[in-house]
Amino acid sequence: MAGRVEARLKELGIELPQAAAPVANYVPYVIVGNLLFISGQITMQGGKPQYVGQVGRDFTVEEGAKAARICGINILAQVKAALGDLDRVKRCVKLTGFVNAAPLFAEQPKVINGASDLMVEVLGDAGRHARAAVGVASLPVGVAVEVDAIFEIV
């Protein structure tokens, strides 16, 4: 039977993909005590990178936010793979978002809102979190956004 968070995802029309396997020497998640650390998730959808390029050059802020939302969905897929039950999430503690940004681009927070807003939509108040939004010169396979996460779990 689907839990509260799964029901909310269904209500929002969000289907979680299969959690992506690591592509280098790391693991997709680590549990330490009551904290779940999710490795950075990029804009993979259907096994292919989406939003390849730079925000502020190839993509608008709004498109960047859509890319960040994909990262957020991929984070939730990793949480489900790690815990089996999304209702074990007590709260989203922190997101760190990386934006492949054109020189002088300064709206990283608006881009990473795509992932932040998703966490609140899905988890309610438990989705409110601390955050960093950082501009970078490039990201893996050239994608526009990468986001990692820390969750408190029960």
N, C-alpha and C. Protein backbone atom coordinates (compact mmCIF):
# COMPACT_ATOMS: atom_id res chain seq x y z
N MET A 1 0.84 -1.19 0.00
CA MET A 1 0.00 0.00 0.00
C MET A 1 0.88 1.25 0.00
N ALA A 2 0.53 2.21 -0.81
CA ALA A 2 1.31 3.44 -0.92
C ALA A 2 1.12 4.29 0.32
N GLY A 3 2.22 4.89 0.75
CA GLY A 3 2.19 5.75 1.93
C GLY A 3 1.79 7.17 1.58
N ARG A 4 1.89 8.02 2.57
CA ARG A 4 1.50 9.42 2.46
C ARG A 4 2.29 10.14 1.37
N VAL A 5 3.62 9.96 1.36
CA VAL A 5 4.44 10.66 0.37
C VAL A 5 4.18 10.12 -1.03
N GLU A 6 4.05 8.81 -1.16
CA GLU A 6 3.74 8.21 -2.48
C GLU A 6 2.40 8.72 -2.99
N ALA A 7 1.43 8.85 -2.09
CA ALA A 7 0.11 9.37 -2.48
C ALA A 7 0.23 10.82 -2.96
N ARG A 8 1.07 11.59 -2.28
CA ARG A 8 1.26 12.98 -2.67
C ARG A 8 1.93 13.07 -4.06
N LEU A 9 2.91 12.21 -4.30
CA LEU A 9 3.55 12.18 -5.63
C LEU A 9 2.52 11.87 -6.71
N LYS A 10 1.67 10.90 -6.44
CA LYS A 10 0.64 10.52 -7.42
C LYS A 10 -0.31 11.69 -7.67
N GLU A 11 -0.69 12.37 -6.59
CA GLU A 11 -1.57 13.53 -6.69
C GLU A 11 -0.95 14.62 -7.56
N LEU A 12 0.37 14.77 -7.46
CA LEU A 12 1.09 15.78 -8.24
C LEU A 12 1.41 15.30 -9.65
N GLY A 13 1.12 14.04 -9.95
CA GLY A 13 1.40 13.49 -11.27
C GLY A 13 2.88 13.20 -11.49
N ILE A 14 3.60 12.93 -10.41
CA ILE A 14 5.04 12.67 -10.50
C ILE A 14 5.28 11.18 -10.34
N GLU A 15 5.92 10.60 -11.34
CA GLU A 15 6.33 9.20 -11.27
C GLU A 15 7.84 9.16 -11.10
N LEU A 16 8.29 8.54 -10.03
CA LEU A 16 9.73 8.47 -9.79
C LEU A 16 10.37 7.48 -10.74
N PRO A 17 11.50 7.87 -11.33
CA PRO A 17 12.23 6.95 -12.19
C PRO A 17 12.99 5.93 -11.34
N GLN A 18 13.58 4.95 -11.98
CA GLN A 18 14.48 4.05 -11.27
C GLN A 18 15.70 4.87 -10.89
N ALA A 19 16.18 4.68 -9.66
CA ALA A 19 17.35 5.43 -9.19
C ALA A 19 18.55 5.13 -10.08
N ALA A 20 19.26 6.17 -10.46
CA ALA A 20 20.42 6.03 -11.33
C ALA A 20 21.59 5.38 -10.60
N ALA A 21 22.31 4.53 -11.30
CA ALA A 21 23.52 3.91 -10.76
C ALA A 21 24.66 4.92 -10.83
N PRO A 22 25.61 4.83 -9.91
CA PRO A 22 26.77 5.73 -9.96
C PRO A 22 27.56 5.54 -11.25
N VAL A 23 28.17 6.63 -11.73
CA VAL A 23 28.97 6.56 -12.96
C VAL A 23 30.45 6.73 -12.68
N ALA A 24 30.83 6.77 -11.41
CA ALA A 24 32.23 6.92 -11.02
C ALA A 24 32.42 6.22 -9.67
N ASN A 25 33.50 6.51 -8.98
CA ASN A 25 33.84 5.84 -7.74
C ASN A 25 33.16 6.50 -6.53
N TYR A 26 31.86 6.29 -6.42
CA TYR A 26 31.08 6.79 -5.29
C TYR A 26 29.83 5.93 -5.16
N VAL A 27 29.09 6.12 -4.09
CA VAL A 27 27.82 5.43 -3.91
C VAL A 27 26.70 6.45 -4.01
N PRO A 28 25.50 6.02 -4.40
CA PRO A 28 24.42 6.99 -4.60
C PRO A 28 23.88 7.59 -3.31
N TYR A 29 24.08 6.89 -2.19
CA TYR A 29 23.62 7.41 -0.91
C TYR A 29 24.42 6.77 0.21
N VAL A 30 24.42 7.47 1.36
CA VAL A 30 25.05 6.96 2.57
C VAL A 30 24.12 7.32 3.73
N ILE A 31 23.90 6.35 4.61
CA ILE A 31 23.13 6.60 5.82
C ILE A 31 24.10 6.62 6.99
N VAL A 32 24.06 7.70 7.76
CA VAL A 32 24.86 7.84 8.97
C VAL A 32 23.90 8.23 10.08
N GLY A 33 23.69 7.31 11.03
CA GLY A 33 22.73 7.58 12.10
C GLY A 33 21.35 7.81 11.50
N ASN A 34 20.79 8.98 11.81
CA ASN A 34 19.46 9.29 11.28
C ASN A 34 19.52 10.28 10.11
N LEU A 35 20.67 10.32 9.44
CA LEU A 35 20.82 11.19 8.28
C LEU A 35 21.07 10.36 7.02
N LEU A 36 20.40 10.75 5.95
CA LEU A 36 20.57 10.14 4.64
C LEU A 36 21.18 11.19 3.71
N PHE A 37 22.37 10.89 3.20
CA PHE A 37 23.06 11.78 2.28
C PHE A 37 22.87 11.24 0.86
N ILE A 38 22.33 12.05 -0.02
CA ILE A 38 22.12 11.66 -1.42
C ILE A 38 23.18 12.34 -2.27
N SER A 39 23.92 11.55 -3.05
CA SER A 39 24.92 12.10 -3.96
C SER A 39 24.25 13.01 -4.99
N GLY A 40 25.04 13.87 -5.59
CA GLY A 40 24.52 14.80 -6.58
C GLY A 40 23.77 14.10 -7.70
N GLN A 41 22.60 14.64 -7.99
CA GLN A 41 21.75 14.12 -9.07
C GLN A 41 21.68 15.16 -10.17
N ILE A 42 21.86 14.70 -11.39
CA ILE A 42 21.82 15.61 -12.54
C ILE A 42 20.48 15.46 -13.25
N THR A 43 20.37 16.10 -14.38
CA THR A 43 19.11 16.18 -15.12
C THR A 43 18.90 15.00 -16.06
N MET A 44 19.08 13.79 -15.52
CA MET A 44 18.85 12.58 -16.31
C MET A 44 17.35 12.29 -16.33
N GLN A 45 16.84 12.00 -17.50
CA GLN A 45 15.44 11.65 -17.67
C GLN A 45 15.36 10.63 -18.80
N GLY A 46 14.76 9.47 -18.52
CA GLY A 46 14.68 8.43 -19.53
C GLY A 46 16.05 7.93 -19.96
N GLY A 47 17.01 7.98 -19.05
CA GLY A 47 18.36 7.49 -19.35
C GLY A 47 19.22 8.45 -20.16
N LYS A 48 18.70 9.66 -20.41
CA LYS A 48 19.44 10.64 -21.21
C LYS A 48 19.54 11.97 -20.48
N PRO A 49 20.69 12.64 -20.60
CA PRO A 49 20.80 13.95 -19.96
C PRO A 49 19.90 14.97 -20.67
N GLN A 50 19.22 15.76 -19.87
CA GLN A 50 18.37 16.84 -20.37
C GLN A 50 19.02 18.17 -19.98
N TYR A 51 18.66 19.24 -20.64
CA TYR A 51 19.18 20.57 -20.32
C TYR A 51 20.71 20.56 -20.31
N VAL A 52 21.28 20.20 -21.42
CA VAL A 52 22.74 20.23 -21.58
C VAL A 52 23.11 21.62 -22.08
N GLY A 53 23.89 22.32 -21.29
CA GLY A 53 24.29 23.68 -21.62
C GLY A 53 24.31 24.54 -20.37
N GLN A 54 24.44 25.85 -20.58
CA GLN A 54 24.56 26.78 -19.47
C GLN A 54 23.30 27.61 -19.30
N VAL A 55 22.94 27.82 -18.03
CA VAL A 55 21.85 28.73 -17.72
C VAL A 55 22.39 30.15 -17.90
N GLY A 56 21.61 30.97 -18.52
CA GLY A 56 22.05 32.33 -18.80
C GLY A 56 22.64 32.47 -20.19
N ARG A 57 22.93 31.36 -20.83
CA ARG A 57 23.41 31.36 -22.21
C ARG A 57 22.47 30.51 -23.07
N ASP A 58 22.32 29.23 -22.70
CA ASP A 58 21.48 28.30 -23.47
C ASP A 58 20.07 28.16 -22.92
N PHE A 59 19.92 28.47 -21.63
CA PHE A 59 18.63 28.30 -20.96
C PHE A 59 18.29 29.51 -20.12
N THR A 60 16.99 29.78 -20.02
CA THR A 60 16.50 30.86 -19.16
C THR A 60 16.50 30.38 -17.71
N VAL A 61 16.27 31.30 -16.80
CA VAL A 61 16.14 30.97 -15.39
C VAL A 61 14.99 29.96 -15.20
N GLU A 62 13.89 30.19 -15.89
CA GLU A 62 12.73 29.30 -15.78
C GLU A 62 13.05 27.89 -16.27
N GLU A 63 13.78 27.79 -17.36
CA GLU A 63 14.20 26.47 -17.85
C GLU A 63 15.18 25.83 -16.87
N GLY A 64 16.05 26.63 -16.29
CA GLY A 64 16.97 26.13 -15.28
C GLY A 64 16.22 25.57 -14.08
N ALA A 65 15.15 26.23 -13.68
CA ALA A 65 14.33 25.75 -12.56
C ALA A 65 13.67 24.41 -12.91
N LYS A 66 13.26 24.25 -14.16
CA LYS A 66 12.70 22.96 -14.59
C LYS A 66 13.77 21.87 -14.52
N ALA A 67 14.99 22.22 -14.89
CA ALA A 67 16.10 21.28 -14.80
C ALA A 67 16.35 20.89 -13.34
N ALA A 68 16.31 21.87 -12.45
CA ALA A 68 16.51 21.60 -11.02
C ALA A 68 15.40 20.71 -10.47
N ARG A 69 14.20 20.87 -10.99
CA ARG A 69 13.08 20.02 -10.56
C ARG A 69 13.36 18.56 -10.94
N ILE A 70 13.91 18.33 -12.13
CA ILE A 70 14.28 16.97 -12.53
C ILE A 70 15.30 16.41 -11.55
N CYS A 71 16.27 17.22 -11.16
CA CYS A 71 17.26 16.78 -10.16
C CYS A 71 16.55 16.39 -8.87
N GLY A 72 15.58 17.19 -8.45
CA GLY A 72 14.83 16.90 -7.23
C GLY A 72 14.07 15.58 -7.33
N ILE A 73 13.47 15.32 -8.48
CA ILE A 73 12.76 14.05 -8.68
C ILE A 73 13.75 12.89 -8.60
N ASN A 74 14.94 13.07 -9.19
CA ASN A 74 15.96 12.03 -9.13
C ASN A 74 16.47 11.83 -7.70
N ILE A 75 16.52 12.89 -6.93
CA ILE A 75 16.88 12.77 -5.51
C ILE A 75 15.85 11.91 -4.80
N LEU A 76 14.58 12.18 -5.02
CA LEU A 76 13.53 11.39 -4.36
C LEU A 76 13.58 9.92 -4.79
N ALA A 77 13.97 9.67 -6.04
CA ALA A 77 14.12 8.28 -6.49
C ALA A 77 15.24 7.60 -5.71
N GLN A 78 16.32 8.32 -5.44
CA GLN A 78 17.42 7.75 -4.64
C GLN A 78 16.98 7.52 -3.19
N VAL A 79 16.18 8.43 -2.65
CA VAL A 79 15.66 8.27 -1.29
C VAL A 79 14.83 6.99 -1.21
N LYS A 80 13.98 6.79 -2.20
CA LYS A 80 13.15 5.58 -2.22
C LYS A 80 14.02 4.33 -2.32
N ALA A 81 15.06 4.38 -3.15
CA ALA A 81 15.97 3.23 -3.28
C ALA A 81 16.69 2.96 -1.97
N ALA A 82 17.05 4.02 -1.26
CA ALA A 82 17.79 3.87 0.00
C ALA A 82 16.92 3.34 1.12
N LEU A 83 15.68 3.83 1.20
CA LEU A 83 14.83 3.55 2.35
C LEU A 83 13.69 2.57 2.07
N GLY A 84 13.33 2.44 0.80
CA GLY A 84 12.19 1.59 0.46
C GLY A 84 10.85 2.26 0.71
N ASP A 85 10.80 3.17 1.65
CA ASP A 85 9.55 3.82 2.05
C ASP A 85 9.82 5.31 2.24
N LEU A 86 9.26 6.13 1.38
CA LEU A 86 9.47 7.57 1.47
C LEU A 86 8.90 8.18 2.75
N ASP A 87 7.99 7.48 3.40
CA ASP A 87 7.44 7.99 4.66
C ASP A 87 8.45 7.93 5.80
N ARG A 88 9.60 7.32 5.56
CA ARG A 88 10.67 7.33 6.57
C ARG A 88 11.41 8.67 6.60
N VAL A 89 11.13 9.54 5.65
CA VAL A 89 11.75 10.87 5.64
C VAL A 89 11.06 11.73 6.69
N LYS A 90 11.86 12.19 7.65
CA LYS A 90 11.32 13.09 8.67
C LYS A 90 11.35 14.53 8.16
N ARG A 91 12.46 14.88 7.48
CA ARG A 91 12.53 16.20 6.86
C ARG A 91 13.70 16.27 5.89
N CYS A 92 13.59 17.19 4.97
CA CYS A 92 14.72 17.55 4.10
C CYS A 92 15.54 18.55 4.89
N VAL A 93 16.79 18.23 5.16
CA VAL A 93 17.65 19.08 5.97
C VAL A 93 18.34 20.13 5.11
N LYS A 94 18.94 19.70 3.99
CA LYS A 94 19.69 20.64 3.16
C LYS A 94 19.78 20.17 1.72
N LEU A 95 19.69 21.13 0.81
CA LEU A 95 19.98 20.91 -0.60
C LEU A 95 21.17 21.79 -0.97
N THR A 96 22.03 21.26 -1.81
CA THR A 96 23.09 22.06 -2.40
C THR A 96 22.92 21.97 -3.91
N GLY A 97 22.72 23.11 -4.53
CA GLY A 97 22.49 23.15 -5.97
C GLY A 97 23.64 23.79 -6.70
N PHE A 98 24.02 23.18 -7.80
CA PHE A 98 25.10 23.68 -8.64
C PHE A 98 24.51 24.03 -10.00
N VAL A 99 24.76 25.24 -10.44
CA VAL A 99 24.22 25.71 -11.71
C VAL A 99 25.38 25.95 -12.68
N ASN A 100 25.36 25.25 -13.80
CA ASN A 100 26.31 25.48 -14.88
C ASN A 100 25.91 26.82 -15.49
N ALA A 101 26.63 27.87 -15.09
CA ALA A 101 26.18 29.23 -15.37
C ALA A 101 27.10 29.97 -16.32
N ALA A 102 26.48 30.75 -17.17
CA ALA A 102 27.24 31.65 -18.04
C ALA A 102 27.98 32.66 -17.17
N PRO A 103 29.10 33.19 -17.66
CA PRO A 103 29.81 34.22 -16.89
C PRO A 103 28.86 35.37 -16.53
N LEU A 104 28.98 35.85 -15.32
CA LEU A 104 28.19 36.94 -14.76
C LEU A 104 26.74 36.57 -14.44
N PHE A 105 26.33 35.32 -14.68
CA PHE A 105 24.99 34.90 -14.30
C PHE A 105 24.91 34.89 -12.78
N ALA A 106 23.86 35.47 -12.21
CA ALA A 106 23.79 35.62 -10.75
C ALA A 106 22.43 35.21 -10.17
N GLU A 107 21.66 34.41 -10.88
CA GLU A 107 20.34 34.04 -10.39
C GLU A 107 20.25 32.56 -10.01
N GLN A 108 21.35 32.02 -9.49
CA GLN A 108 21.38 30.62 -9.08
C GLN A 108 20.27 30.29 -8.09
N PRO A 109 19.97 31.16 -7.10
CA PRO A 109 18.88 30.81 -6.18
C PRO A 109 17.54 30.57 -6.87
N LYS A 110 17.23 31.36 -7.88
CA LYS A 110 15.96 31.18 -8.60
C LYS A 110 15.95 29.85 -9.36
N VAL A 111 17.10 29.44 -9.87
CA VAL A 111 17.20 28.17 -10.58
C VAL A 111 16.97 27.02 -9.59
N ILE A 112 17.66 27.03 -8.48
CA ILE A 112 17.59 25.93 -7.52
C ILE A 112 16.23 25.89 -6.82
N ASN A 113 15.45 26.97 -6.91
CA ASN A 113 14.07 26.92 -6.40
C ASN A 113 13.28 25.78 -7.04
N GLY A 114 13.66 25.37 -8.24
CA GLY A 114 12.97 24.25 -8.88
C GLY A 114 13.02 22.99 -8.03
N ALA A 115 14.16 22.72 -7.42
CA ALA A 115 14.30 21.56 -6.53
C ALA A 115 13.70 21.85 -5.17
N SER A 116 13.93 23.06 -4.65
CA SER A 116 13.40 23.42 -3.34
C SER A 116 11.88 23.40 -3.32
N ASP A 117 11.28 23.99 -4.34
CA ASP A 117 9.81 24.01 -4.41
C ASP A 117 9.25 22.60 -4.47
N LEU A 118 9.92 21.71 -5.21
CA LEU A 118 9.47 20.32 -5.30
C LEU A 118 9.46 19.67 -3.92
N MET A 119 10.51 19.86 -3.13
CA MET A 119 10.57 19.24 -1.81
C MET A 119 9.41 19.69 -0.93
N VAL A 120 9.06 20.98 -1.01
CA VAL A 120 7.95 21.49 -0.22
C VAL A 120 6.62 20.97 -0.77
N GLU A 121 6.49 20.90 -2.09
CA GLU A 121 5.26 20.35 -2.69
C GLU A 121 5.02 18.92 -2.23
N VAL A 122 6.08 18.13 -2.20
CA VAL A 122 5.96 16.71 -1.90
C VAL A 122 5.91 16.44 -0.39
N LEU A 123 6.76 17.13 0.38
CA LEU A 123 6.89 16.82 1.80
C LEU A 123 6.21 17.83 2.73
N GLY A 124 5.62 18.89 2.18
CA GLY A 124 5.00 19.90 3.02
C GLY A 124 6.05 20.63 3.83
N ASP A 125 5.74 21.00 5.07
CA ASP A 125 6.69 21.72 5.91
C ASP A 125 7.98 20.94 6.13
N ALA A 126 7.90 19.61 6.09
CA ALA A 126 9.10 18.78 6.25
C ALA A 126 10.04 18.93 5.06
N GLY A 127 9.58 19.56 4.00
CA GLY A 127 10.41 19.79 2.83
C GLY A 127 11.20 21.09 2.89
N ARG A 128 10.94 21.92 3.90
CA ARG A 128 11.68 23.20 4.04
C ARG A 128 13.07 22.87 4.55
N HIS A 129 14.08 23.50 3.96
CA HIS A 129 15.45 23.07 4.20
C HIS A 129 16.42 24.25 4.13
N ALA A 130 17.61 24.01 4.66
CA ALA A 130 18.73 24.93 4.44
C ALA A 130 19.24 24.67 3.02
N ARG A 131 19.98 25.63 2.47
CA ARG A 131 20.36 25.46 1.07
C ARG A 131 21.56 26.29 0.68
N ALA A 132 22.26 25.82 -0.32
CA ALA A 132 23.28 26.60 -1.02
C ALA A 132 22.97 26.50 -2.51
N ALA A 133 23.17 27.60 -3.22
CA ALA A 133 22.99 27.64 -4.68
C ALA A 133 24.25 28.28 -5.25
N VAL A 134 25.00 27.48 -6.02
CA VAL A 134 26.33 27.88 -6.44
C VAL A 134 26.44 27.85 -7.97
N GLY A 135 27.08 28.85 -8.53
CA GLY A 135 27.35 28.86 -9.96
C GLY A 135 28.70 28.20 -10.23
N VAL A 136 28.75 27.37 -11.27
CA VAL A 136 29.98 26.67 -11.64
C VAL A 136 30.21 26.81 -13.15
N ALA A 137 31.44 26.54 -13.56
CA ALA A 137 31.81 26.67 -14.97
C ALA A 137 31.36 25.49 -15.81
N SER A 138 31.20 24.30 -15.20
CA SER A 138 30.73 23.13 -15.93
C SER A 138 30.26 22.08 -14.94
N LEU A 139 29.50 21.12 -15.44
CA LEU A 139 28.97 20.01 -14.65
C LEU A 139 29.11 18.72 -15.47
N PRO A 140 28.96 17.56 -14.83
CA PRO A 140 29.09 16.29 -15.55
C PRO A 140 28.21 16.24 -16.81
N VAL A 141 28.73 15.69 -17.86
CA VAL A 141 28.13 15.56 -19.20
C VAL A 141 27.54 16.87 -19.72
N GLY A 142 27.97 17.99 -19.14
CA GLY A 142 27.55 19.30 -19.63
C GLY A 142 26.18 19.75 -19.20
N VAL A 143 25.54 19.06 -18.24
CA VAL A 143 24.19 19.44 -17.84
C VAL A 143 24.18 20.80 -17.16
N ALA A 144 23.01 21.40 -17.10
CA ALA A 144 22.85 22.74 -16.55
C ALA A 144 22.76 22.77 -15.03
N VAL A 145 22.32 21.66 -14.40
CA VAL A 145 22.09 21.69 -12.96
C VAL A 145 22.43 20.34 -12.33
N GLU A 146 22.95 20.39 -11.10
CA GLU A 146 23.16 19.20 -10.26
C GLU A 146 22.76 19.60 -8.84
N VAL A 147 22.09 18.69 -8.14
CA VAL A 147 21.66 18.96 -6.77
C VAL A 147 21.93 17.72 -5.91
N ASP A 148 22.49 17.97 -4.71
CA ASP A 148 22.60 16.88 -3.75
C ASP A 148 21.75 17.21 -2.52
N ALA A 149 21.59 16.25 -1.61
CA ALA A 149 20.63 16.45 -0.52
C ALA A 149 21.02 15.70 0.74
N ILE A 150 20.52 16.22 1.86
CA ILE A 150 20.62 15.54 3.15
C ILE A 150 19.21 15.50 3.73
N PHE A 151 18.81 14.31 4.20
CA PHE A 151 17.51 14.12 4.82
C PHE A 151 17.66 13.57 6.22
N GLU A 152 16.78 13.97 7.12
CA GLU A 152 16.67 13.30 8.42
C GLU A 152 15.65 12.19 8.24
N ILE A 153 15.97 11.00 8.75
CA ILE A 153 15.09 9.85 8.54
C ILE A 153 14.74 9.19 9.87
N VAL A 154 13.68 8.41 9.84
CA VAL A 154 13.28 7.62 11.02
C VAL A 154 13.34 6.15 10.67
